[in-house]
Amino acid sequence: MRKNMKEAMGSLAQGLMEAGLGSPFTEKELNELGVKIPEVELTPGKIKSVRAKVNLSQSVFARLLNVSVSSVRQWEQGKRFPTGSTKVLLDLLDKEPHILDYRAIR
């Protein structure tokens, strides 16, 4: 692939990622194009804010996420941090608080 074409494709893919639109490329292809996948950053305050947005207690929030109450408590105290898909789910809940309403236990 020519350098100019690779740079253009990388720039397009990076723009798609930054706009939250995703990308048709695999992770390996994105790496080859020099695209940086944005990291989800969640502070203890942010996690607490997400829980407040969905208006749930720690215990109900934990059941909704399928984690222990202890995990939620430790995340909010900054003693531990969510990882993997839980981290992504918390980011989604921050953007779309009603995304899991069908699962809500109130």
N, C-alpha and C. Protein backbone atom coordinates (compact mmCIF):
# COMPACT_ATOMS: atom_id res chain seq x y z
N MET A 1 0.85 -1.16 0.00
CA MET A 1 0.00 0.00 0.00
C MET A 1 0.90 1.24 0.00
N ARG A 2 0.56 2.19 -0.82
CA ARG A 2 1.36 3.41 -0.88
C ARG A 2 1.21 4.21 0.40
N LYS A 3 2.29 4.93 0.73
CA LYS A 3 2.33 5.69 1.98
C LYS A 3 1.17 6.69 2.08
N ASN A 4 0.89 7.45 0.99
CA ASN A 4 -0.18 8.45 1.02
C ASN A 4 -1.53 7.80 1.25
N MET A 5 -1.76 6.66 0.60
CA MET A 5 -3.03 5.96 0.74
C MET A 5 -3.18 5.42 2.17
N LYS A 6 -2.09 4.88 2.70
CA LYS A 6 -2.12 4.34 4.06
C LYS A 6 -2.40 5.45 5.07
N GLU A 7 -1.77 6.61 4.89
CA GLU A 7 -2.00 7.75 5.78
C GLU A 7 -3.45 8.23 5.69
N ALA A 8 -4.00 8.28 4.48
CA ALA A 8 -5.38 8.73 4.29
C ALA A 8 -6.35 7.75 4.96
N MET A 9 -6.11 6.46 4.78
CA MET A 9 -6.98 5.45 5.39
C MET A 9 -6.86 5.50 6.91
N GLY A 10 -5.65 5.69 7.41
CA GLY A 10 -5.44 5.79 8.85
C GLY A 10 -6.15 7.00 9.43
N SER A 11 -6.06 8.11 8.72
CA SER A 11 -6.72 9.33 9.17
C SER A 11 -8.24 9.17 9.18
N LEU A 12 -8.77 8.54 8.15
CA LEU A 12 -10.22 8.28 8.08
C LEU A 12 -10.66 7.36 9.21
N ALA A 13 -9.92 6.28 9.42
CA ALA A 13 -10.27 5.33 10.48
C ALA A 13 -10.18 5.99 11.85
N GLN A 14 -9.15 6.83 12.07
CA GLN A 14 -9.00 7.53 13.35
C GLN A 14 -10.18 8.48 13.56
N GLY A 15 -10.59 9.17 12.50
CA GLY A 15 -11.74 10.07 12.60
C GLY A 15 -13.02 9.33 12.94
N LEU A 16 -13.21 8.16 12.34
CA LEU A 16 -14.39 7.34 12.65
C LEU A 16 -14.39 6.93 14.11
N MET A 17 -13.23 6.51 14.62
CA MET A 17 -13.12 6.08 16.01
C MET A 17 -13.40 7.25 16.96
N GLU A 18 -12.83 8.40 16.67
CA GLU A 18 -13.00 9.56 17.54
C GLU A 18 -14.43 10.06 17.54
N ALA A 19 -15.14 9.85 16.43
CA ALA A 19 -16.54 10.27 16.34
C ALA A 19 -17.47 9.24 16.96
N GLY A 20 -16.90 8.12 17.42
CA GLY A 20 -17.70 7.09 18.04
C GLY A 20 -18.47 6.23 17.05
N LEU A 21 -18.05 6.24 15.81
CA LEU A 21 -18.76 5.50 14.76
C LEU A 21 -18.19 4.11 14.52
N GLY A 22 -17.10 3.78 15.19
CA GLY A 22 -16.49 2.47 14.99
C GLY A 22 -15.72 2.43 13.69
N SER A 23 -15.33 1.25 13.30
CA SER A 23 -14.51 1.10 12.11
C SER A 23 -14.72 -0.27 11.49
N PRO A 24 -14.67 -0.35 10.17
CA PRO A 24 -14.79 -1.66 9.53
C PRO A 24 -13.49 -2.47 9.57
N PHE A 25 -12.44 -1.89 10.13
CA PHE A 25 -11.13 -2.54 10.17
C PHE A 25 -10.98 -3.41 11.42
N THR A 26 -10.15 -4.43 11.32
CA THR A 26 -9.83 -5.26 12.49
C THR A 26 -8.82 -4.51 13.34
N GLU A 27 -8.62 -4.99 14.58
CA GLU A 27 -7.64 -4.34 15.46
C GLU A 27 -6.25 -4.38 14.84
N LYS A 28 -5.90 -5.50 14.22
CA LYS A 28 -4.58 -5.62 13.58
C LYS A 28 -4.43 -4.59 12.46
N GLU A 29 -5.47 -4.44 11.64
CA GLU A 29 -5.42 -3.46 10.55
C GLU A 29 -5.32 -2.03 11.11
N LEU A 30 -6.06 -1.75 12.18
CA LEU A 30 -5.99 -0.42 12.79
C LEU A 30 -4.59 -0.14 13.30
N ASN A 31 -3.97 -1.14 13.93
CA ASN A 31 -2.59 -0.98 14.41
C ASN A 31 -1.64 -0.70 13.26
N GLU A 32 -1.81 -1.41 12.14
CA GLU A 32 -0.95 -1.21 10.97
C GLU A 32 -1.13 0.18 10.38
N LEU A 33 -2.34 0.73 10.51
CA LEU A 33 -2.62 2.07 10.00
C LEU A 33 -2.22 3.16 10.99
N GLY A 34 -1.78 2.75 12.19
CA GLY A 34 -1.36 3.71 13.20
C GLY A 34 -2.51 4.35 13.95
N VAL A 35 -3.68 3.72 13.93
CA VAL A 35 -4.85 4.26 14.61
C VAL A 35 -4.80 3.89 16.09
N LYS A 36 -5.06 4.84 16.94
CA LYS A 36 -5.10 4.62 18.38
C LYS A 36 -6.55 4.45 18.83
N ILE A 37 -6.84 3.30 19.42
CA ILE A 37 -8.18 3.05 19.94
C ILE A 37 -8.30 3.80 21.26
N PRO A 38 -9.30 4.70 21.38
CA PRO A 38 -9.40 5.49 22.61
C PRO A 38 -9.64 4.63 23.84
N GLU A 39 -8.92 4.92 24.89
CA GLU A 39 -9.06 4.20 26.15
C GLU A 39 -10.23 4.80 26.93
N VAL A 40 -11.01 3.94 27.56
CA VAL A 40 -12.12 4.39 28.40
C VAL A 40 -11.53 4.75 29.76
N GLU A 41 -11.72 6.00 30.19
CA GLU A 41 -11.18 6.45 31.47
C GLU A 41 -12.33 6.63 32.45
N LEU A 42 -12.26 5.91 33.56
CA LEU A 42 -13.30 6.00 34.58
C LEU A 42 -12.68 6.28 35.94
N THR A 43 -12.99 7.42 36.49
CA THR A 43 -12.53 7.77 37.83
C THR A 43 -13.58 7.28 38.83
N PRO A 44 -13.23 7.20 40.11
CA PRO A 44 -14.23 6.82 41.11
C PRO A 44 -15.45 7.75 41.08
N GLY A 45 -15.20 9.04 40.93
CA GLY A 45 -16.31 10.01 40.85
C GLY A 45 -17.19 9.78 39.64
N LYS A 46 -16.57 9.42 38.53
CA LYS A 46 -17.32 9.16 37.29
C LYS A 46 -18.22 7.93 37.47
N ILE A 47 -17.70 6.89 38.11
CA ILE A 47 -18.48 5.67 38.34
C ILE A 47 -19.68 5.99 39.23
N LYS A 48 -19.44 6.78 40.26
CA LYS A 48 -20.52 7.19 41.16
C LYS A 48 -21.56 8.01 40.40
N SER A 49 -21.09 8.86 39.52
CA SER A 49 -21.97 9.69 38.70
C SER A 49 -22.82 8.85 37.75
N VAL A 50 -22.23 7.81 37.17
CA VAL A 50 -22.98 6.90 36.28
C VAL A 50 -24.08 6.21 37.08
N ARG A 51 -23.75 5.75 38.28
CA ARG A 51 -24.75 5.08 39.12
C ARG A 51 -25.86 6.05 39.49
N ALA A 52 -25.51 7.31 39.75
CA ALA A 52 -26.51 8.32 40.08
C ALA A 52 -27.42 8.60 38.88
N LYS A 53 -26.84 8.59 37.67
CA LYS A 53 -27.64 8.82 36.46
C LYS A 53 -28.73 7.77 36.29
N VAL A 54 -28.39 6.52 36.61
CA VAL A 54 -29.38 5.45 36.47
C VAL A 54 -30.22 5.30 37.74
N ASN A 55 -29.89 6.13 38.77
CA ASN A 55 -30.68 6.20 39.99
C ASN A 55 -30.85 4.85 40.68
N LEU A 56 -29.71 4.18 40.93
CA LEU A 56 -29.74 2.87 41.57
C LEU A 56 -28.82 2.84 42.79
N SER A 57 -29.18 2.03 43.77
CA SER A 57 -28.31 1.82 44.92
C SER A 57 -27.11 0.99 44.46
N GLN A 58 -26.09 0.92 45.30
CA GLN A 58 -24.91 0.11 44.95
C GLN A 58 -25.29 -1.35 44.75
N SER A 59 -26.16 -1.88 45.60
CA SER A 59 -26.50 -3.30 45.49
C SER A 59 -27.29 -3.60 44.21
N VAL A 60 -28.21 -2.75 43.85
CA VAL A 60 -28.99 -2.98 42.62
C VAL A 60 -28.11 -2.75 41.40
N PHE A 61 -27.26 -1.75 41.46
CA PHE A 61 -26.32 -1.46 40.36
C PHE A 61 -25.40 -2.65 40.14
N ALA A 62 -24.92 -3.24 41.24
CA ALA A 62 -24.04 -4.41 41.16
C ALA A 62 -24.77 -5.58 40.49
N ARG A 63 -26.01 -5.82 40.88
CA ARG A 63 -26.79 -6.91 40.26
C ARG A 63 -27.00 -6.65 38.78
N LEU A 64 -27.27 -5.39 38.42
CA LEU A 64 -27.47 -5.03 37.02
C LEU A 64 -26.22 -5.31 36.19
N LEU A 65 -25.04 -5.04 36.76
CA LEU A 65 -23.77 -5.25 36.06
C LEU A 65 -23.21 -6.66 36.23
N ASN A 66 -23.87 -7.44 37.08
CA ASN A 66 -23.44 -8.80 37.37
C ASN A 66 -22.05 -8.83 38.02
N VAL A 67 -21.88 -7.94 38.99
CA VAL A 67 -20.65 -7.89 39.78
C VAL A 67 -21.05 -7.85 41.26
N SER A 68 -20.09 -7.96 42.15
CA SER A 68 -20.40 -7.92 43.57
C SER A 68 -20.58 -6.47 44.04
N VAL A 69 -21.33 -6.31 45.12
CA VAL A 69 -21.51 -4.99 45.73
C VAL A 69 -20.14 -4.47 46.18
N SER A 70 -19.30 -5.36 46.65
CA SER A 70 -17.96 -4.99 47.08
C SER A 70 -17.18 -4.36 45.93
N SER A 71 -17.33 -4.90 44.73
CA SER A 71 -16.63 -4.34 43.56
C SER A 71 -17.08 -2.91 43.31
N VAL A 72 -18.39 -2.69 43.31
CA VAL A 72 -18.92 -1.34 43.07
C VAL A 72 -18.41 -0.39 44.15
N ARG A 73 -18.45 -0.81 45.41
CA ARG A 73 -17.99 0.02 46.52
C ARG A 73 -16.51 0.37 46.33
N GLN A 74 -15.69 -0.62 45.98
CA GLN A 74 -14.26 -0.38 45.81
C GLN A 74 -13.97 0.50 44.59
N TRP A 75 -14.76 0.36 43.52
CA TRP A 75 -14.58 1.24 42.37
C TRP A 75 -14.84 2.68 42.77
N GLU A 76 -15.93 2.89 43.53
CA GLU A 76 -16.30 4.25 43.92
C GLU A 76 -15.34 4.84 44.94
N GLN A 77 -14.61 4.00 45.64
CA GLN A 77 -13.61 4.48 46.60
C GLN A 77 -12.22 4.58 45.98
N GLY A 78 -12.07 4.12 44.75
CA GLY A 78 -10.78 4.18 44.07
C GLY A 78 -9.80 3.11 44.50
N LYS A 79 -10.30 2.08 45.19
CA LYS A 79 -9.43 0.99 45.63
C LYS A 79 -9.19 -0.02 44.52
N ARG A 80 -10.16 -0.16 43.64
CA ARG A 80 -10.05 -1.05 42.48
C ARG A 80 -10.71 -0.33 41.31
N PHE A 81 -10.48 -0.87 40.11
CA PHE A 81 -11.06 -0.25 38.92
C PHE A 81 -11.66 -1.33 38.02
N PRO A 82 -12.79 -1.02 37.38
CA PRO A 82 -13.39 -1.99 36.48
C PRO A 82 -12.48 -2.24 35.28
N THR A 83 -12.62 -3.42 34.70
CA THR A 83 -11.80 -3.78 33.54
C THR A 83 -12.69 -4.34 32.44
N GLY A 84 -12.10 -4.51 31.28
CA GLY A 84 -12.74 -5.20 30.17
C GLY A 84 -14.12 -4.68 29.81
N SER A 85 -15.03 -5.62 29.63
CA SER A 85 -16.37 -5.28 29.15
C SER A 85 -17.16 -4.47 30.18
N THR A 86 -16.86 -4.64 31.47
CA THR A 86 -17.56 -3.85 32.49
C THR A 86 -17.21 -2.38 32.34
N LYS A 87 -15.96 -2.12 32.03
CA LYS A 87 -15.50 -0.75 31.81
C LYS A 87 -16.23 -0.12 30.62
N VAL A 88 -16.35 -0.88 29.56
CA VAL A 88 -17.04 -0.39 28.36
C VAL A 88 -18.53 -0.19 28.65
N LEU A 89 -19.13 -1.12 29.39
CA LEU A 89 -20.54 -1.01 29.74
C LEU A 89 -20.80 0.24 30.59
N LEU A 90 -19.92 0.52 31.53
CA LEU A 90 -20.06 1.73 32.35
C LEU A 90 -19.96 2.99 31.48
N ASP A 91 -19.07 2.97 30.49
CA ASP A 91 -18.94 4.09 29.57
C ASP A 91 -20.23 4.27 28.75
N LEU A 92 -20.80 3.15 28.30
CA LEU A 92 -22.06 3.21 27.56
C LEU A 92 -23.19 3.75 28.44
N LEU A 93 -23.25 3.30 29.69
CA LEU A 93 -24.28 3.77 30.62
C LEU A 93 -24.14 5.27 30.87
N ASP A 94 -22.91 5.76 30.86
CA ASP A 94 -22.70 7.19 31.04
C ASP A 94 -23.29 7.97 29.87
N LYS A 95 -23.15 7.43 28.67
CA LYS A 95 -23.65 8.11 27.47
C LYS A 95 -25.15 7.88 27.25
N GLU A 96 -25.62 6.69 27.59
CA GLU A 96 -27.02 6.30 27.40
C GLU A 96 -27.55 5.64 28.67
N PRO A 97 -27.93 6.43 29.67
CA PRO A 97 -28.32 5.87 30.97
C PRO A 97 -29.48 4.87 30.92
N HIS A 98 -30.28 4.91 29.90
CA HIS A 98 -31.46 4.02 29.84
C HIS A 98 -31.22 2.75 29.03
N ILE A 99 -29.97 2.52 28.63
CA ILE A 99 -29.66 1.38 27.77
C ILE A 99 -29.98 0.03 28.41
N LEU A 100 -29.94 -0.03 29.73
CA LEU A 100 -30.23 -1.30 30.42
C LEU A 100 -31.54 -1.28 31.20
N ASP A 101 -32.43 -0.36 30.87
CA ASP A 101 -33.70 -0.28 31.58
C ASP A 101 -34.47 -1.60 31.55
N TYR A 102 -34.35 -2.33 30.48
CA TYR A 102 -35.07 -3.61 30.37
C TYR A 102 -34.60 -4.60 31.44
N ARG A 103 -33.39 -4.41 31.99
CA ARG A 103 -32.85 -5.30 33.01
C ARG A 103 -33.01 -4.76 34.41
N ALA A 104 -33.44 -3.51 34.52
CA ALA A 104 -33.45 -2.84 35.83
C ALA A 104 -34.34 -3.56 36.83
N ILE A 105 -33.80 -3.64 38.02
CA ILE A 105 -34.49 -4.27 39.15
C ILE A 105 -34.76 -3.12 40.12
N ARG A 106 -35.92 -2.62 40.16
CA ARG A 106 -36.20 -1.44 41.00
C ARG A 106 -37.03 -1.82 42.19
